[in-house]
C-alpha atoms as a PDB file:
ATOM      1  CA  MET A   1     -23.540  41.020 114.392  1.00  0.00           C
ATOM      2  CA  TRP A   2     -19.793  40.491 113.938  1.00  0.00           C
ATOM      3  CA  LYS A   3     -19.758  42.887 110.968  1.00  0.00           C
ATOM      4  CA  LYS A   4     -21.513  45.528 113.072  1.00  0.00           C
ATOM      5  CA  ILE A   5     -19.006  45.073 115.900  1.00  0.00           C
ATOM      6  CA  ARG A   6     -16.062  45.378 113.504  1.00  0.00           C
ATOM      7  CA  LYS A   7     -17.591  48.489 111.989  1.00  0.00           C
ATOM      8  CA  LEU A   8     -18.125  50.001 115.435  1.00  0.00           C
ATOM      9  CA  ILE A   9     -14.512  49.224 116.459  1.00  0.00           C
ATOM     10  CA  PHE A  10     -13.215  50.725 113.219  1.00  0.00           C
ATOM     11  CA  LYS A  11     -15.218  53.929 113.708  1.00  0.00           C
ATOM     12  CA  ALA A  12     -14.180  54.256 117.356  1.00  0.00           C
ATOM     13  CA  THR A  13     -10.526  53.758 116.427  1.00  0.00           C
ATOM     14  CA  LEU A  14     -10.752  56.275 113.592  1.00  0.00           C
ATOM     15  CA  TYR A  15     -12.488  58.897 115.762  1.00  0.00           C
ATOM     16  CA  PHE A  16      -9.929  58.393 118.531  1.00  0.00           C
ATOM     17  CA  PHE A  17      -7.044  58.765 116.091  1.00  0.00           C
ATOM     18  CA  LEU A  18      -8.441  61.894 114.442  1.00  0.00           C
ATOM     19  CA  GLY A  19      -9.472  63.411 117.776  1.00  0.00           C
ATOM     20  CA  SER A  20      -6.122  62.767 119.435  1.00  0.00           C
ATOM     21  CA  VAL A  21      -4.152  64.194 116.502  1.00  0.00           C
ATOM     22  CA  LEU A  22      -6.366  67.292 116.499  1.00  0.00           C
ATOM     23  CA  LEU A  23      -5.987  67.723 120.264  1.00  0.00           C
ATOM     24  CA  VAL A  24      -2.188  67.434 120.141  1.00  0.00           C
ATOM     25  CA  PHE A  25      -2.076  69.847 117.205  1.00  0.00           C
ATOM     26  CA  VAL A  26      -4.241  72.412 119.031  1.00  0.00           C
ATOM     27  CA  PHE A  27      -2.094  72.197 122.175  1.00  0.00           C
ATOM     28  CA  ARG A  28       0.925  72.941 120.032  1.00  0.00           C
ATOM     29  CA  PHE A  29      -0.297  76.543 120.059  1.00  0.00           C
ATOM     30  CA  ILE A  30      -2.519  77.082 123.114  1.00  0.00           C
ATOM     31  CA  PRO A  31      -1.922  76.412 126.827  1.00  0.00           C
ATOM     32  CA  VAL A  32      -3.103  73.145 128.364  1.00  0.00           C
ATOM     33  CA  PRO A  33      -5.819  74.432 130.737  1.00  0.00           C
ATOM     34  CA  LEU A  34      -6.292  71.382 132.973  1.00  0.00           C
ATOM     35  CA  THR A  35      -5.032  67.828 133.376  1.00  0.00           C
ATOM     36  CA  LEU A  36      -6.656  64.704 134.776  1.00  0.00           C
ATOM     37  CA  LEU A  37      -4.082  64.612 137.578  1.00  0.00           C
ATOM     38  CA  MET A  38      -5.179  68.093 138.686  1.00  0.00           C
ATOM     39  CA  VAL A  39      -8.791  66.889 138.764  1.00  0.00           C
ATOM     40  CA  GLN A  40      -7.811  63.783 140.740  1.00  0.00           C
ATOM     41  CA  ARG A  41      -5.870  65.815 143.300  1.00  0.00           C
ATOM     42  CA  GLY A  42      -8.832  68.148 143.779  1.00  0.00           C
ATOM     43  CA  VAL A  43     -11.169  65.185 144.354  1.00  0.00           C
ATOM     44  CA  GLU A  44      -8.695  63.659 146.835  1.00  0.00           C
ATOM     45  CA  GLN A  45      -8.450  66.944 148.759  1.00  0.00           C
ATOM     46  CA  LYS A  46     -12.241  67.270 148.899  1.00  0.00           C
ATOM     47  CA  TRP A  47     -12.652  63.610 149.931  1.00  0.00           C
ATOM     48  CA  ASN A  48     -10.129  64.061 152.764  1.00  0.00           C
ATOM     49  CA  GLY A  49     -11.914  67.164 154.038  1.00  0.00           C
ATOM     50  CA  LYS A  50      -9.169  69.534 152.941  1.00  0.00           C
ATOM     51  CA  PRO A  51      -9.644  72.796 151.053  1.00  0.00           C
ATOM     52  CA  ILE A  52      -9.048  72.434 147.337  1.00  0.00           C
ATOM     53  CA  ARG A  53      -5.716  74.022 146.475  1.00  0.00           C
ATOM     54  CA  PHE A  54      -5.013  74.848 142.870  1.00  0.00           C
ATOM     55  CA  GLU A  55      -2.154  77.138 141.912  1.00  0.00           C
ATOM     56  CA  LYS A  56      -1.298  77.280 138.224  1.00  0.00           C
ATOM     57  CA  ASP A  57      -0.131  80.135 136.046  1.00  0.00           C
ATOM     58  CA  TRP A  58       0.909  79.381 132.466  1.00  0.00           C
ATOM     59  CA  VAL A  59       3.980  81.241 131.203  1.00  0.00           C
ATOM     60  CA  PRO A  60       5.791  80.931 127.845  1.00  0.00           C
ATOM     61  CA  LEU A  61       9.187  79.265 127.733  1.00  0.00           C
ATOM     62  CA  SER A  62      10.829  82.655 127.242  1.00  0.00           C
ATOM     63  CA  GLU A  63       9.660  83.571 130.763  1.00  0.00           C
ATOM     64  CA  ILE A  64      11.131  80.462 132.392  1.00  0.00           C
ATOM     65  CA  ALA A  65      14.737  80.717 133.524  1.00  0.00           C
ATOM     66  CA  ASN A  66      17.096  78.677 131.374  1.00  0.00           C
ATOM     67  CA  SER A  67      18.529  77.298 134.610  1.00  0.00           C
ATOM     68  CA  MET A  68      15.136  75.698 135.350  1.00  0.00           C
ATOM     69  CA  GLN A  69      15.021  74.085 131.925  1.00  0.00           C
ATOM     70  CA  LEU A  70      18.554  72.765 132.369  1.00  0.00           C
ATOM     71  CA  ALA A  71      17.826  71.521 135.891  1.00  0.00           C
ATOM     72  CA  VAL A  72      14.993  69.223 134.765  1.00  0.00           C
ATOM     73  CA  VAL A  73      17.071  67.919 131.862  1.00  0.00           C
ATOM     74  CA  CYS A  74      19.947  67.111 134.232  1.00  0.00           C
ATOM     75  CA  SER A  75      17.674  65.461 136.785  1.00  0.00           C
ATOM     76  CA  GLU A  76      15.069  63.759 134.592  1.00  0.00           C
ATOM     77  CA  ASP A  77      16.306  63.191 131.051  1.00  0.00           C
ATOM     78  CA  GLN A  78      19.843  64.023 129.942  1.00  0.00           C
ATOM     79  CA  ASN A  79      19.226  62.795 126.392  1.00  0.00           C
ATOM     80  CA  PHE A  80      16.117  64.950 125.971  1.00  0.00           C
ATOM     81  CA  LEU A  81      17.569  67.066 123.165  1.00  0.00           C
ATOM     82  CA  TRP A  82      18.502  64.088 121.006  1.00  0.00           C
ATOM     83  CA  HIS A  83      16.081  61.202 121.532  1.00  0.00           C
ATOM     84  CA  HIS A  84      12.759  60.917 119.711  1.00  0.00           C
ATOM     85  CA  GLY A  85      10.630  60.389 122.781  1.00  0.00           C
ATOM     86  CA  PHE A  86      12.224  57.271 124.254  1.00  0.00           C
ATOM     87  CA  ASP A  87      15.677  56.732 125.733  1.00  0.00           C
ATOM     88  CA  PHE A  88      16.297  53.066 124.972  1.00  0.00           C
ATOM     89  CA  GLU A  89      19.686  53.057 126.681  1.00  0.00           C
ATOM     90  CA  ALA A  90      18.094  54.340 129.887  1.00  0.00           C
ATOM     91  CA  ILE A  91      15.342  51.728 129.546  1.00  0.00           C
ATOM     92  CA  ARG A  92      17.920  48.927 129.295  1.00  0.00           C
ATOM     93  CA  ASP A  93      19.814  50.290 132.317  1.00  0.00           C
ATOM     94  CA  ALA A  94      16.586  50.505 134.334  1.00  0.00           C
ATOM     95  CA  MET A  95      15.635  46.947 133.427  1.00  0.00           C
ATOM     96  CA  ARG A  96      19.041  45.627 134.545  1.00  0.00           C
ATOM     97  CA  TYR A  97      18.825  47.599 137.803  1.00  0.00           C
ATOM     98  CA  ASN A  98      15.283  46.412 138.532  1.00  0.00           C
ATOM     99  CA  GLU A  99      16.237  42.790 137.862  1.00  0.00           C
ATOM    100  CA  LYS A 100      19.037  43.095 140.416  1.00  0.00           C
ATOM    101  CA  GLN A 101      16.646  44.666 142.915  1.00  0.00           C
ATOM    102  CA  LYS A 102      14.164  41.856 142.332  1.00  0.00           C
ATOM    103  CA  SER A 103      16.817  39.172 142.856  1.00  0.00           C
ATOM    104  CA  ARG A 104      17.768  40.850 146.133  1.00  0.00           C
ATOM    105  CA  LYS A 105      14.080  41.074 147.109  1.00  0.00           C
ATOM    106  CA  ARG A 106      14.176  44.849 147.290  1.00  0.00           C
ATOM    107  CA  LYS A 107      11.145  46.960 146.398  1.00  0.00           C
ATOM    108  CA  LYS A 108      12.917  50.066 145.090  1.00  0.00           C
ATOM    109  CA  VAL A 109      12.734  50.266 141.293  1.00  0.00           C
ATOM    110  CA  ARG A 110      14.070  52.713 138.734  1.00  0.00           C
ATOM    111  CA  GLY A 111      12.040  54.245 135.941  1.00  0.00           C
ATOM    112  CA  ALA A 112      13.239  55.482 132.561  1.00  0.00           C
ATOM    113  CA  SER A 113      10.492  57.872 131.478  1.00  0.00           C
ATOM    114  CA  THR A 114      11.724  60.763 129.384  1.00  0.00           C
ATOM    115  CA  ILE A 115      10.506  64.338 129.653  1.00  0.00           C
ATOM    116  CA  SER A 116       8.516  63.683 126.461  1.00  0.00           C
ATOM    117  CA  GLN A 117       6.796  60.666 128.035  1.00  0.00           C
ATOM    118  CA  GLN A 118       6.037  62.576 131.224  1.00  0.00           C
ATOM    119  CA  THR A 119       4.619  65.452 129.189  1.00  0.00           C
ATOM    120  CA  ALA A 120       2.380  63.104 127.204  1.00  0.00           C
ATOM    121  CA  LYS A 121       1.204  61.423 130.412  1.00  0.00           C
ATOM    122  CA  ASN A 122       0.579  64.661 132.288  1.00  0.00           C
ATOM    123  CA  ALA A 123      -1.105  66.575 129.468  1.00  0.00           C
ATOM    124  CA  PHE A 124      -3.315  63.886 127.915  1.00  0.00           C
ATOM    125  CA  LEU A 125      -3.723  60.860 130.165  1.00  0.00           C
ATOM    126  CA  TYR A 126      -5.071  59.694 133.482  1.00  0.00           C
ATOM    127  CA  PRO A 127      -2.776  58.821 136.425  1.00  0.00           C
ATOM    128  CA  ALA A 128      -2.767  55.034 136.644  1.00  0.00           C
ATOM    129  CA  ARG A 129      -0.519  52.022 136.193  1.00  0.00           C
ATOM    130  CA  SER A 130      -1.732  49.654 133.490  1.00  0.00           C
ATOM    131  CA  PHE A 131      -0.671  48.294 130.130  1.00  0.00           C
ATOM    132  CA  VAL A 132      -3.455  50.267 128.449  1.00  0.00           C
ATOM    133  CA  ARG A 133      -2.314  53.548 129.971  1.00  0.00           C
ATOM    134  CA  LYS A 134       1.314  52.765 129.107  1.00  0.00           C
ATOM    135  CA  GLY A 135       0.330  51.993 125.541  1.00  0.00           C
ATOM    136  CA  LEU A 136      -1.510  55.317 125.278  1.00  0.00           C
ATOM    137  CA  GLU A 137       1.552  57.050 126.731  1.00  0.00           C
ATOM    138  CA  VAL A 138       3.709  55.577 123.962  1.00  0.00           C
ATOM    139  CA  TYR A 139       1.175  56.717 121.371  1.00  0.00           C
ATOM    140  CA  PHE A 140       0.888  60.297 122.659  1.00  0.00           C
ATOM    141  CA  THR A 141       4.661  60.547 123.127  1.00  0.00           C
ATOM    142  CA  GLY A 142       5.111  59.707 119.464  1.00  0.00           C
ATOM    143  CA  LEU A 143       2.504  62.316 118.509  1.00  0.00           C
ATOM    144  CA  ILE A 144       4.044  65.181 120.448  1.00  0.00           C
ATOM    145  CA  GLU A 145       7.530  64.327 119.217  1.00  0.00           C
ATOM    146  CA  LEU A 146       6.141  64.427 115.671  1.00  0.00           C
ATOM    147  CA  LEU A 147       4.004  67.565 115.978  1.00  0.00           C
ATOM    148  CA  TRP A 148       5.790  69.648 118.610  1.00  0.00           C
ATOM    149  CA  SER A 149       9.291  71.056 118.891  1.00  0.00           C
ATOM    150  CA  LYS A 150      11.550  70.205 121.832  1.00  0.00           C
ATOM    151  CA  GLU A 151      10.980  73.737 123.092  1.00  0.00           C
ATOM    152  CA  ARG A 152       7.205  73.220 123.073  1.00  0.00           C
ATOM    153  CA  ILE A 153       7.512  69.899 124.877  1.00  0.00           C
ATOM    154  CA  MET A 154       9.633  71.594 127.553  1.00  0.00           C
ATOM    155  CA  GLU A 155       7.181  74.504 127.787  1.00  0.00           C
ATOM    156  CA  VAL A 156       4.178  72.239 128.352  1.00  0.00           C
ATOM    157  CA  TYR A 157       6.118  69.995 130.746  1.00  0.00           C
ATOM    158  CA  LEU A 158       7.172  72.899 132.959  1.00  0.00           C
ATOM    159  CA  ASN A 159       3.686  74.402 132.953  1.00  0.00           C
ATOM    160  CA  VAL A 160       1.611  71.346 133.902  1.00  0.00           C
ATOM    161  CA  ILE A 161       3.860  69.144 136.035  1.00  0.00           C
ATOM    162  CA  GLU A 162       2.977  68.772 139.711  1.00  0.00           C
ATOM    163  CA  MET A 163       5.556  70.602 141.839  1.00  0.00           C
ATOM    164  CA  GLY A 164       3.914  70.579 145.253  1.00  0.00           C
ATOM    165  CA  ASP A 165       0.614  70.103 147.061  1.00  0.00           C
ATOM    166  CA  GLY A 166      -1.816  71.945 144.788  1.00  0.00           C
ATOM    167  CA  VAL A 167       1.057  73.549 142.871  1.00  0.00           C
ATOM    168  CA  TYR A 168       1.252  72.953 139.127  1.00  0.00           C
ATOM    169  CA  GLY A 169       3.856  74.427 136.832  1.00  0.00           C
ATOM    170  CA  VAL A 170       7.063  76.268 137.482  1.00  0.00           C
ATOM    171  CA  GLU A 171       5.568  79.763 137.714  1.00  0.00           C
ATOM    172  CA  ALA A 172       3.285  78.729 140.583  1.00  0.00           C
ATOM    173  CA  ALA A 173       6.179  76.869 142.231  1.00  0.00           C
ATOM    174  CA  ALA A 174       8.539  79.841 141.944  1.00  0.00           C
ATOM    175  CA  GLN A 175       5.933  82.162 143.446  1.00  0.00           C
ATOM    176  CA  ARG A 176       4.959  79.752 146.239  1.00  0.00           C
ATOM    177  CA  PHE A 177       8.435  78.626 147.302  1.00  0.00           C
ATOM    178  CA  PHE A 178      10.696  81.571 146.431  1.00  0.00           C
ATOM    179  CA  HIS A 179       8.304  84.527 146.028  1.00  0.00           C
ATOM    180  CA  LYS A 180       9.577  85.424 142.583  1.00  0.00           C
ATOM    181  CA  PRO A 181       8.659  84.742 138.946  1.00  0.00           C
ATOM    182  CA  ALA A 182      10.030  81.683 137.138  1.00  0.00           C
ATOM    183  CA  SER A 183      12.114  83.965 134.930  1.00  0.00           C
ATOM    184  CA  ARG A 184      14.263  84.936 137.933  1.00  0.00           C
ATOM    185  CA  LEU A 185      14.962  81.501 139.409  1.00  0.00           C
ATOM    186  CA  SER A 186      18.621  80.935 140.225  1.00  0.00           C
ATOM    187  CA  ALA A 187      20.473  77.704 139.461  1.00  0.00           C
ATOM    188  CA  SER A 188      20.266  76.783 143.145  1.00  0.00           C
ATOM    189  CA  GLU A 189      16.506  77.361 143.320  1.00  0.00           C
ATOM    190  CA  ALA A 190      15.857  75.599 139.999  1.00  0.00           C
ATOM    191  CA  SER A 191      17.851  72.543 141.050  1.00  0.00           C
ATOM    192  CA  LEU A 192      15.920  72.427 144.339  1.00  0.00           C
ATOM    193  CA  ILE A 193      12.581  72.393 142.513  1.00  0.00           C
ATOM    194  CA  ALA A 194      13.883  69.700 140.151  1.00  0.00           C
ATOM    195  CA  ALA A 195      15.082  67.638 143.120  1.00  0.00           C
ATOM    196  CA  VAL A 196      11.536  67.169 144.482  1.00  0.00           C
ATOM    197  CA  LEU A 197       9.880  66.207 141.180  1.00  0.00           C
ATOM    198  CA  PRO A 198      10.001  62.433 141.731  1.00  0.00           C
ATOM    199  CA  ASN A 199       7.584  62.936 144.650  1.00  0.00           C
ATOM    200  CA  PRO A 200       6.432  66.556 145.067  1.00  0.00           C
ATOM    201  CA  ILE A 201       3.746  65.588 147.591  1.00  0.00           C
ATOM    202  CA  ARG A 202       6.199  63.910 149.957  1.00  0.00           C
ATOM    203  CA  PHE A 203       9.070  66.386 149.496  1.00  0.00           C
ATOM    204  CA  ARG A 204       9.014  70.177 149.599  1.00  0.00           C
ATOM    205  CA  ALA A 205      11.269  72.654 147.845  1.00  0.00           C
ATOM    206  CA  ASP A 206      10.743  75.228 150.597  1.00  0.00           C
ATOM    207  CA  ALA A 207      11.615  72.783 153.411  1.00  0.00           C
ATOM    208  CA  PRO A 208      14.175  70.416 151.864  1.00  0.00           C
ATOM    209  CA  SER A 209      15.321  67.334 153.720  1.00  0.00           C
ATOM    210  CA  GLY A 210      18.895  66.098 153.723  1.00  0.00           C
ATOM    211  CA  TYR A 211      18.006  63.701 150.921  1.00  0.00           C
ATOM    212  CA  ILE A 212      16.643  66.530 148.761  1.00  0.00           C
ATOM    213  CA  ARG A 213      19.726  68.629 149.483  1.00  0.00           C
ATOM    214  CA  SER A 214      21.919  65.774 148.270  1.00  0.00           C
ATOM    215  CA  ARG A 215      19.834  65.484 145.086  1.00  0.00           C
ATOM    216  CA  GLN A 216      20.079  69.229 144.608  1.00  0.00           C
ATOM    217  CA  ALA A 217      23.879  69.095 144.872  1.00  0.00           C
ATOM    218  CA  ALA A 218      24.056  66.256 142.324  1.00  0.00           C
ATOM    219  CA  ILE A 219      21.818  68.164 139.897  1.00  0.00           C
ATOM    220  CA  GLN A 220      23.903  71.328 140.271  1.00  0.00           C
ATOM    221  CA  MET A 221      27.053  69.373 139.522  1.00  0.00           C
ATOM    222  CA  GLN A 222      25.491  68.049 136.322  1.00  0.00           C
ATOM    223  CA  MET A 223      24.367  71.575 135.405  1.00  0.00           C
ATOM    224  CA  ARG A 224      27.946  72.795 135.717  1.00  0.00           C
ATOM    225  CA  LEU A 225      29.134  69.947 133.490  1.00  0.00           C
ATOM    226  CA  TRP A 226      26.619  71.154 130.899  1.00  0.00           C
ATOM    227  CA  GLY A 227      28.137  74.619 131.074  1.00  0.00           C
ATOM    228  CA  GLY A 228      25.249  76.086 133.072  1.00  0.00           C
ATOM    229  CA  LYS A 229      23.036  76.639 130.015  1.00  0.00           C
ATOM    230  CA  LEU A 230      20.627  74.590 127.923  1.00  0.00           C
ATOM    231  CA  ASP A 231      21.073  75.144 124.187  1.00  0.00           C
ATOM    232  CA  TYR A 232      18.366  73.499 122.074  1.00  0.00           C
ATOM    233  CA  GLU A 233      20.709  73.513 119.074  1.00  0.00           C
ATOM    234  CA  MET A 234      23.452  71.704 120.974  1.00  0.00           C
ATOM    235  CA  PRO A 235      24.975  68.841 118.923  1.00  0.00           C
ATOM    236  CA  GLU A 236      24.883  65.383 120.448  1.00  0.00           C
ATOM    237  CA  PRO A 237      28.129  64.683 122.330  1.00  0.00           C
ATOM    238  CA  ASP A 238      30.451  61.932 121.183  1.00  0.00           C
ATOM    239  CA  LYS A 239      30.045  58.755 123.190  1.00  0.00           C
END
């Protein structure tokens, strides 16, 4: 019996490994059609008696304004161009911050997920908080960093991420909130979209609160410090 169980575990592990590598390789070239988060949101809308809203329009990176790409780097992951999936310095900073919050009995915590991690989570995994899901996130992050370019990671990220209620990807967001294609987003509009990403259901890019306006201003300041343009061949700055 034990030999059969070990054999079954070995086969399941092997099939998962081969299947996941194949899936990541395929999505290196073709658009990601649907994510588990999109399915979950649709079920939630149906369960709550709301019409199912699903706006998504895949566009290549060449049709996404560079200002939008820079805005998410400045707001979400400023070491995106140089890390290999994980920003260990940001992780250490987040751990120190969260320890202080815990000692002060405050609930607000800080995450340190990179754009690569968020892409892996959004494209391949289910939305949940568990050690298993986090372990799978680490695994898929390593795979996409190995098999995809930084440009491809950014392209998938900006095409599948939730940007509003029923709005997925930057093209749908640009059309919904600013009535224009993603290729024509200004720095101001891009930074406003990036400002709501931590909670796109609670916050809206087309009706920004004072808090979102303050985040937008901070992101725009960082974009100016970057020179207003994201260059994927940019050398890592001296620290």
